[in-house]
Amino acid sequence: MNESLTLFGLATTPLELLSFALSVVTVWLNIRQNHWAWLFAILSSGLYGAVFFQAKLYGDMGLQLVFITVSIWGWYQWLHGDDTHERLPVTQLTARGRAAAALAWLGAFGLLAWFLRSYTDTDVPFADGFLTAGSLVGQVLLSRKRLENWHVWIIVDVLYVGLYLHKGLVLTAVLYGMFVLMAVAGLRAWRRSMGQDSAASAAMVLK
């Protein structure tokens, strides 16, 4: 699946094209809070791991392995993740939670950038490390249905567009441009869902 082909004037491979399609389905299902998103996330992560290995984006390649693990955990969380083991609702982080997420991003960035620069032949250790760290934070927040996961993905996806263009992964750059728009849509949809859950809870209290 490594043979080059041209699609709508963009150079790609069948492997990248299939990864692209599965990733779009994944984000679309995430927006709809459909737990089957995690199955497509596992499949797309496995395929993109191979794509990123070929492009020497080792941080992103390793990230896909983490994504697969987190996706299994996230799948369970979405189905049985709250205190009553019911369907997990959308919630927001506290100020302390947002600070912890930011510190986790910076800490992981430092470690990943050092590792990639010291032990791999990548030419973009800092960009790869920063975006890999941000993606890890976003994935964990997504797994717990925290609204802020979409803020993280908007930042990460915008920056990934530039990185993938630099690496010649044009179709993947287009994909991440689409992800920016889908992340904005996801933010709005989850905010509405959170409001509806709050209204339903208030109605139950009044009864």
C-alpha atoms as a PDB file:
ATOM      1  CA  MET A   1       0.000   0.000   0.000  1.00  0.00           C
ATOM      2  CA  ASN A   2       3.031   2.287  -0.408  1.00  0.00           C
ATOM      3  CA  GLU A   3       2.722   3.019  -4.123  1.00  0.00           C
ATOM      4  CA  SER A   4       2.240   6.716  -4.836  1.00  0.00           C
ATOM      5  CA  LEU A   5      -0.905   7.922  -6.530  1.00  0.00           C
ATOM      6  CA  THR A   6      -2.499  11.274  -7.338  1.00  0.00           C
ATOM      7  CA  LEU A   7      -5.952  12.194  -6.069  1.00  0.00           C
ATOM      8  CA  PHE A   8      -7.472  15.555  -7.078  1.00  0.00           C
ATOM      9  CA  GLY A   9      -3.956  16.745  -7.826  1.00  0.00           C
ATOM     10  CA  LEU A  10      -2.581  15.662  -4.427  1.00  0.00           C
ATOM     11  CA  ALA A  11       0.199  13.100  -4.067  1.00  0.00           C
ATOM     12  CA  THR A  12      -0.717  10.350  -1.627  1.00  0.00           C
ATOM     13  CA  THR A  13      -0.652   6.577  -1.070  1.00  0.00           C
ATOM     14  CA  PRO A  14      -3.481   4.079  -0.581  1.00  0.00           C
ATOM     15  CA  LEU A  15      -2.395   3.700   3.047  1.00  0.00           C
ATOM     16  CA  GLU A  16      -2.627   7.439   3.710  1.00  0.00           C
ATOM     17  CA  LEU A  17      -5.941   7.627   1.844  1.00  0.00           C
ATOM     18  CA  LEU A  18      -7.529   4.859   3.931  1.00  0.00           C
ATOM     19  CA  SER A  19      -6.174   6.419   7.123  1.00  0.00           C
ATOM     20  CA  PHE A  20      -7.669   9.736   6.009  1.00  0.00           C
ATOM     21  CA  ALA A  21     -11.137   8.233   5.505  1.00  0.00           C
ATOM     22  CA  LEU A  22     -11.177   6.402   8.835  1.00  0.00           C
ATOM     23  CA  SER A  23     -10.015   9.522  10.680  1.00  0.00           C
ATOM     24  CA  VAL A  24     -12.838  11.610   9.227  1.00  0.00           C
ATOM     25  CA  VAL A  25     -15.378   9.000  10.340  1.00  0.00           C
ATOM     26  CA  THR A  26     -13.784   8.971  13.802  1.00  0.00           C
ATOM     27  CA  VAL A  27     -14.107  12.721  14.360  1.00  0.00           C
ATOM     28  CA  TRP A  28     -17.639  12.797  12.924  1.00  0.00           C
ATOM     29  CA  LEU A  29     -18.707  10.103  15.395  1.00  0.00           C
ATOM     30  CA  ASN A  30     -16.906  11.930  18.236  1.00  0.00           C
ATOM     31  CA  ILE A  31     -18.944  15.046  17.510  1.00  0.00           C
ATOM     32  CA  ARG A  32     -22.100  12.935  17.740  1.00  0.00           C
ATOM     33  CA  GLN A  33     -20.849  11.311  20.978  1.00  0.00           C
ATOM     34  CA  ASN A  34     -21.183   7.882  19.361  1.00  0.00           C
ATOM     35  CA  HIS A  35     -19.043   5.296  21.157  1.00  0.00           C
ATOM     36  CA  TRP A  36     -18.245   3.490  17.882  1.00  0.00           C
ATOM     37  CA  ALA A  37     -15.869   6.376  17.223  1.00  0.00           C
ATOM     38  CA  TRP A  38     -13.329   4.528  19.341  1.00  0.00           C
ATOM     39  CA  LEU A  39     -13.310   1.504  17.008  1.00  0.00           C
ATOM     40  CA  PHE A  40     -12.546   3.731  14.026  1.00  0.00           C
ATOM     41  CA  ALA A  41      -9.948   5.565  16.121  1.00  0.00           C
ATOM     42  CA  ILE A  42      -8.136   2.275  16.775  1.00  0.00           C
ATOM     43  CA  LEU A  43      -8.154   1.354  13.083  1.00  0.00           C
ATOM     44  CA  SER A  44      -7.061   4.797  11.838  1.00  0.00           C
ATOM     45  CA  SER A  45      -4.336   5.041  14.494  1.00  0.00           C
ATOM     46  CA  GLY A  46      -2.859   1.715  13.453  1.00  0.00           C
ATOM     47  CA  LEU A  47      -2.711   2.738   9.798  1.00  0.00           C
ATOM     48  CA  TYR A  48      -1.398   6.234  10.503  1.00  0.00           C
ATOM     49  CA  GLY A  49       1.363   4.718  12.626  1.00  0.00           C
ATOM     50  CA  ALA A  50       2.737   3.171   9.436  1.00  0.00           C
ATOM     51  CA  VAL A  51       2.291   6.429   7.487  1.00  0.00           C
ATOM     52  CA  PHE A  52       4.199   8.453  10.083  1.00  0.00           C
ATOM     53  CA  PHE A  53       6.988   5.878  10.321  1.00  0.00           C
ATOM     54  CA  GLN A  54       7.608   6.290   6.602  1.00  0.00           C
ATOM     55  CA  ALA A  55       7.690  10.088   7.047  1.00  0.00           C
ATOM     56  CA  LYS A  56      10.113   9.836  10.015  1.00  0.00           C
ATOM     57  CA  LEU A  57       7.583  11.473  12.330  1.00  0.00           C
ATOM     58  CA  TYR A  58       8.438   9.131  15.170  1.00  0.00           C
ATOM     59  CA  GLY A  59       6.663  11.107  17.855  1.00  0.00           C
ATOM     60  CA  ASP A  60       3.454  10.907  15.873  1.00  0.00           C
ATOM     61  CA  MET A  61       4.081   7.221  15.156  1.00  0.00           C
ATOM     62  CA  GLY A  62       4.464   6.452  18.847  1.00  0.00           C
ATOM     63  CA  LEU A  63       1.442   8.611  19.565  1.00  0.00           C
ATOM     64  CA  GLN A  64      -0.710   6.294  17.475  1.00  0.00           C
ATOM     65  CA  LEU A  65       0.229   3.376  19.735  1.00  0.00           C
ATOM     66  CA  VAL A  66      -0.786   5.437  22.751  1.00  0.00           C
ATOM     67  CA  PHE A  67      -3.993   6.419  20.965  1.00  0.00           C
ATOM     68  CA  ILE A  68      -4.892   2.768  20.503  1.00  0.00           C
ATOM     69  CA  THR A  69      -4.426   2.112  24.225  1.00  0.00           C
ATOM     70  CA  VAL A  70      -6.301   5.254  25.260  1.00  0.00           C
ATOM     71  CA  SER A  71      -9.079   4.460  22.770  1.00  0.00           C
ATOM     72  CA  ILE A  72      -9.802   1.167  24.520  1.00  0.00           C
ATOM     73  CA  TRP A  73      -9.984   3.007  27.848  1.00  0.00           C
ATOM     74  CA  GLY A  74     -12.016   5.837  26.298  1.00  0.00           C
ATOM     75  CA  TRP A  75     -14.507   3.393  24.819  1.00  0.00           C
ATOM     76  CA  TYR A  76     -15.202   2.015  28.289  1.00  0.00           C
ATOM     77  CA  GLN A  77     -15.352   5.503  29.799  1.00  0.00           C
ATOM     78  CA  TRP A  78     -17.979   6.674  27.324  1.00  0.00           C
ATOM     79  CA  LEU A  79     -20.162   3.686  28.080  1.00  0.00           C
ATOM     80  CA  HIS A  80     -19.633   3.263  31.841  1.00  0.00           C
ATOM     81  CA  GLY A  81     -17.534   6.196  32.958  1.00  0.00           C
ATOM     82  CA  ASP A  82     -19.468   8.196  35.517  1.00  0.00           C
ATOM     83  CA  ASP A  83     -19.950   7.435  39.209  1.00  0.00           C
ATOM     84  CA  THR A  84     -23.153   5.504  38.538  1.00  0.00           C
ATOM     85  CA  HIS A  85     -21.632   3.604  35.605  1.00  0.00           C
ATOM     86  CA  GLU A  86     -24.073   5.279  33.246  1.00  0.00           C
ATOM     87  CA  ARG A  87     -23.302   7.015  29.945  1.00  0.00           C
ATOM     88  CA  LEU A  88     -20.636   9.678  30.495  1.00  0.00           C
ATOM     89  CA  PRO A  89     -21.941  13.264  30.206  1.00  0.00           C
ATOM     90  CA  VAL A  90     -20.044  16.241  28.773  1.00  0.00           C
ATOM     91  CA  THR A  91     -18.412  18.331  31.519  1.00  0.00           C
ATOM     92  CA  GLN A  92     -15.884  21.160  31.830  1.00  0.00           C
ATOM     93  CA  LEU A  93     -12.560  21.247  33.611  1.00  0.00           C
ATOM     94  CA  THR A  94     -12.108  23.324  36.732  1.00  0.00           C
ATOM     95  CA  ALA A  95      -9.467  26.074  36.757  1.00  0.00           C
ATOM     96  CA  ARG A  96      -7.142  23.650  38.515  1.00  0.00           C
ATOM     97  CA  GLY A  97      -7.873  21.008  35.890  1.00  0.00           C
ATOM     98  CA  ARG A  98      -7.030  23.405  33.057  1.00  0.00           C
ATOM     99  CA  ALA A  99      -3.768  24.346  34.762  1.00  0.00           C
ATOM    100  CA  ALA A 100      -2.907  20.665  35.235  1.00  0.00           C
ATOM    101  CA  ALA A 101      -3.618  19.973  31.551  1.00  0.00           C
ATOM    102  CA  ALA A 102      -1.376  22.866  30.477  1.00  0.00           C
ATOM    103  CA  LEU A 103       1.455  21.705  32.750  1.00  0.00           C
ATOM    104  CA  ALA A 104       1.094  18.133  31.485  1.00  0.00           C
ATOM    105  CA  TRP A 105       1.355  19.414  27.904  1.00  0.00           C
ATOM    106  CA  LEU A 106       4.509  21.412  28.640  1.00  0.00           C
ATOM    107  CA  GLY A 107       6.109  18.616  30.642  1.00  0.00           C
ATOM    108  CA  ALA A 108       5.425  15.989  27.990  1.00  0.00           C
ATOM    109  CA  PHE A 109       6.682  18.384  25.305  1.00  0.00           C
ATOM    110  CA  GLY A 110      10.020  18.782  27.078  1.00  0.00           C
ATOM    111  CA  LEU A 111      10.508  15.031  27.471  1.00  0.00           C
ATOM    112  CA  LEU A 112       9.402  14.140  23.959  1.00  0.00           C
ATOM    113  CA  ALA A 113      11.450  16.868  22.268  1.00  0.00           C
ATOM    114  CA  TRP A 114      14.561  15.758  24.163  1.00  0.00           C
ATOM    115  CA  PHE A 115      13.974  12.102  23.276  1.00  0.00           C
ATOM    116  CA  LEU A 116      13.272  12.777  19.603  1.00  0.00           C
ATOM    117  CA  ARG A 117      16.289  15.057  19.253  1.00  0.00           C
ATOM    118  CA  SER A 118      18.625  12.671  21.062  1.00  0.00           C
ATOM    119  CA  TYR A 119      17.551   9.269  19.799  1.00  0.00           C
ATOM    120  CA  THR A 120      15.907   9.645  16.378  1.00  0.00           C
ATOM    121  CA  ASP A 121      16.785  11.121  12.999  1.00  0.00           C
ATOM    122  CA  THR A 122      13.709  13.349  12.764  1.00  0.00           C
ATOM    123  CA  ASP A 123      14.334  16.869  11.480  1.00  0.00           C
ATOM    124  CA  VAL A 124      11.421  18.367  13.460  1.00  0.00           C
ATOM    125  CA  PRO A 125      11.907  17.218  17.075  1.00  0.00           C
ATOM    126  CA  PHE A 126      10.389  20.301  18.690  1.00  0.00           C
ATOM    127  CA  ALA A 127       7.326  20.550  16.451  1.00  0.00           C
ATOM    128  CA  ASP A 128       6.779  16.792  16.619  1.00  0.00           C
ATOM    129  CA  GLY A 129       7.232  16.765  20.404  1.00  0.00           C
ATOM    130  CA  PHE A 130       4.957  19.742  21.046  1.00  0.00           C
ATOM    131  CA  LEU A 131       2.117  18.450  18.891  1.00  0.00           C
ATOM    132  CA  THR A 132       2.472  14.882  20.125  1.00  0.00           C
ATOM    133  CA  ALA A 133       2.235  16.104  23.724  1.00  0.00           C
ATOM    134  CA  GLY A 134      -0.799  18.239  22.910  1.00  0.00           C
ATOM    135  CA  SER A 135      -2.484  15.336  21.167  1.00  0.00           C
ATOM    136  CA  LEU A 136      -1.988  13.148  24.228  1.00  0.00           C
ATOM    137  CA  VAL A 137      -3.637  15.771  26.422  1.00  0.00           C
ATOM    138  CA  GLY A 138      -6.483  16.168  23.938  1.00  0.00           C
ATOM    139  CA  GLN A 139      -7.048  12.427  23.751  1.00  0.00           C
ATOM    140  CA  VAL A 140      -7.239  12.037  27.519  1.00  0.00           C
ATOM    141  CA  LEU A 141      -9.704  14.947  27.776  1.00  0.00           C
ATOM    142  CA  LEU A 142     -11.752  13.449  24.940  1.00  0.00           C
ATOM    143  CA  SER A 143     -11.862  10.109  26.750  1.00  0.00           C
ATOM    144  CA  ARG A 144     -13.412  11.804  29.779  1.00  0.00           C
ATOM    145  CA  LYS A 145     -15.753  13.955  27.625  1.00  0.00           C
ATOM    146  CA  ARG A 146     -14.229  17.205  28.818  1.00  0.00           C
ATOM    147  CA  LEU A 147     -15.388  20.120  26.667  1.00  0.00           C
ATOM    148  CA  GLU A 148     -11.855  21.547  26.584  1.00  0.00           C
ATOM    149  CA  ASN A 149     -10.624  18.656  24.435  1.00  0.00           C
ATOM    150  CA  TRP A 150     -11.943  20.580  21.415  1.00  0.00           C
ATOM    151  CA  HIS A 151      -9.917  23.677  22.344  1.00  0.00           C
ATOM    152  CA  VAL A 152      -6.804  21.509  22.419  1.00  0.00           C
ATOM    153  CA  TRP A 153      -7.607  19.873  19.081  1.00  0.00           C
ATOM    154  CA  ILE A 154      -8.213  23.222  17.385  1.00  0.00           C
ATOM    155  CA  ILE A 155      -4.746  24.435  18.418  1.00  0.00           C
ATOM    156  CA  VAL A 156      -3.031  21.161  17.577  1.00  0.00           C
ATOM    157  CA  ASP A 157      -4.764  20.632  14.248  1.00  0.00           C
ATOM    158  CA  VAL A 158      -3.955  24.145  12.972  1.00  0.00           C
ATOM    159  CA  LEU A 159      -0.275  23.584  13.712  1.00  0.00           C
ATOM    160  CA  TYR A 160      -0.323  20.060  12.263  1.00  0.00           C
ATOM    161  CA  VAL A 161      -1.411  21.452   8.890  1.00  0.00           C
ATOM    162  CA  GLY A 162       1.894  23.300   8.622  1.00  0.00           C
ATOM    163  CA  LEU A 163       3.929  20.330   9.827  1.00  0.00           C
ATOM    164  CA  TYR A 164       2.406  17.879   7.380  1.00  0.00           C
ATOM    165  CA  LEU A 165       2.823  20.281   4.472  1.00  0.00           C
ATOM    166  CA  HIS A 166       6.490  20.541   5.461  1.00  0.00           C
ATOM    167  CA  LYS A 167       6.788  16.741   5.430  1.00  0.00           C
ATOM    168  CA  GLY A 168       5.027  16.362   2.072  1.00  0.00           C
ATOM    169  CA  LEU A 169       1.939  14.666   3.528  1.00  0.00           C
ATOM    170  CA  VAL A 170      -0.410  16.921   1.590  1.00  0.00           C
ATOM    171  CA  LEU A 171      -3.535  14.785   1.944  1.00  0.00           C
ATOM    172  CA  THR A 172      -2.988  14.512   5.687  1.00  0.00           C
ATOM    173  CA  ALA A 173      -2.519  18.291   5.840  1.00  0.00           C
ATOM    174  CA  VAL A 174      -5.893  18.677   4.112  1.00  0.00           C
ATOM    175  CA  LEU A 175      -7.353  16.209   6.620  1.00  0.00           C
ATOM    176  CA  TYR A 176      -6.126  18.277   9.558  1.00  0.00           C
ATOM    177  CA  GLY A 177      -7.511  21.419   7.963  1.00  0.00           C
ATOM    178  CA  MET A 178     -10.857  19.616   7.936  1.00  0.00           C
ATOM    179  CA  PHE A 179     -10.264  18.587  11.541  1.00  0.00           C
ATOM    180  CA  VAL A 180     -10.006  22.251  12.550  1.00  0.00           C
ATOM    181  CA  LEU A 181     -13.488  22.898  11.178  1.00  0.00           C
ATOM    182  CA  MET A 182     -14.811  19.666  12.689  1.00  0.00           C
ATOM    183  CA  ALA A 183     -13.294  20.554  16.067  1.00  0.00           C
ATOM    184  CA  VAL A 184     -15.111  23.895  16.005  1.00  0.00           C
ATOM    185  CA  ALA A 185     -18.335  22.036  15.182  1.00  0.00           C
ATOM    186  CA  GLY A 186     -17.604  19.554  17.957  1.00  0.00           C
ATOM    187  CA  LEU A 187     -17.066  22.340  20.477  1.00  0.00           C
ATOM    188  CA  ARG A 188     -20.433  23.858  19.626  1.00  0.00           C
ATOM    189  CA  ALA A 189     -22.262  20.521  19.633  1.00  0.00           C
ATOM    190  CA  TRP A 190     -20.787  19.435  22.982  1.00  0.00           C
ATOM    191  CA  ARG A 191     -21.531  22.838  24.518  1.00  0.00           C
ATOM    192  CA  ARG A 192     -25.184  22.420  23.499  1.00  0.00           C
ATOM    193  CA  SER A 193     -25.197  18.884  24.888  1.00  0.00           C
ATOM    194  CA  MET A 194     -23.789  20.106  28.191  1.00  0.00           C
ATOM    195  CA  GLY A 195     -26.491  22.756  28.378  1.00  0.00           C
ATOM    196  CA  GLN A 196     -29.191  20.197  27.669  1.00  0.00           C
ATOM    197  CA  ASP A 197     -27.839  17.875  30.369  1.00  0.00           C
ATOM    198  CA  SER A 198     -27.805  20.755  32.865  1.00  0.00           C
ATOM    199  CA  ALA A 199     -31.389  21.669  31.984  1.00  0.00           C
ATOM    200  CA  ALA A 200     -32.485  18.053  32.369  1.00  0.00           C
ATOM    201  CA  SER A 201     -30.763  17.797  35.759  1.00  0.00           C
ATOM    202  CA  ALA A 202     -32.434  21.024  36.929  1.00  0.00           C
ATOM    203  CA  ALA A 203     -35.814  19.688  35.811  1.00  0.00           C
ATOM    204  CA  MET A 204     -35.251  16.489  37.796  1.00  0.00           C
ATOM    205  CA  VAL A 205     -34.438  18.529  40.914  1.00  0.00           C
ATOM    206  CA  LEU A 206     -37.628  20.580  40.524  1.00  0.00           C
ATOM    207  CA  LYS A 207     -39.676  17.397  40.345  1.00  0.00           C
END
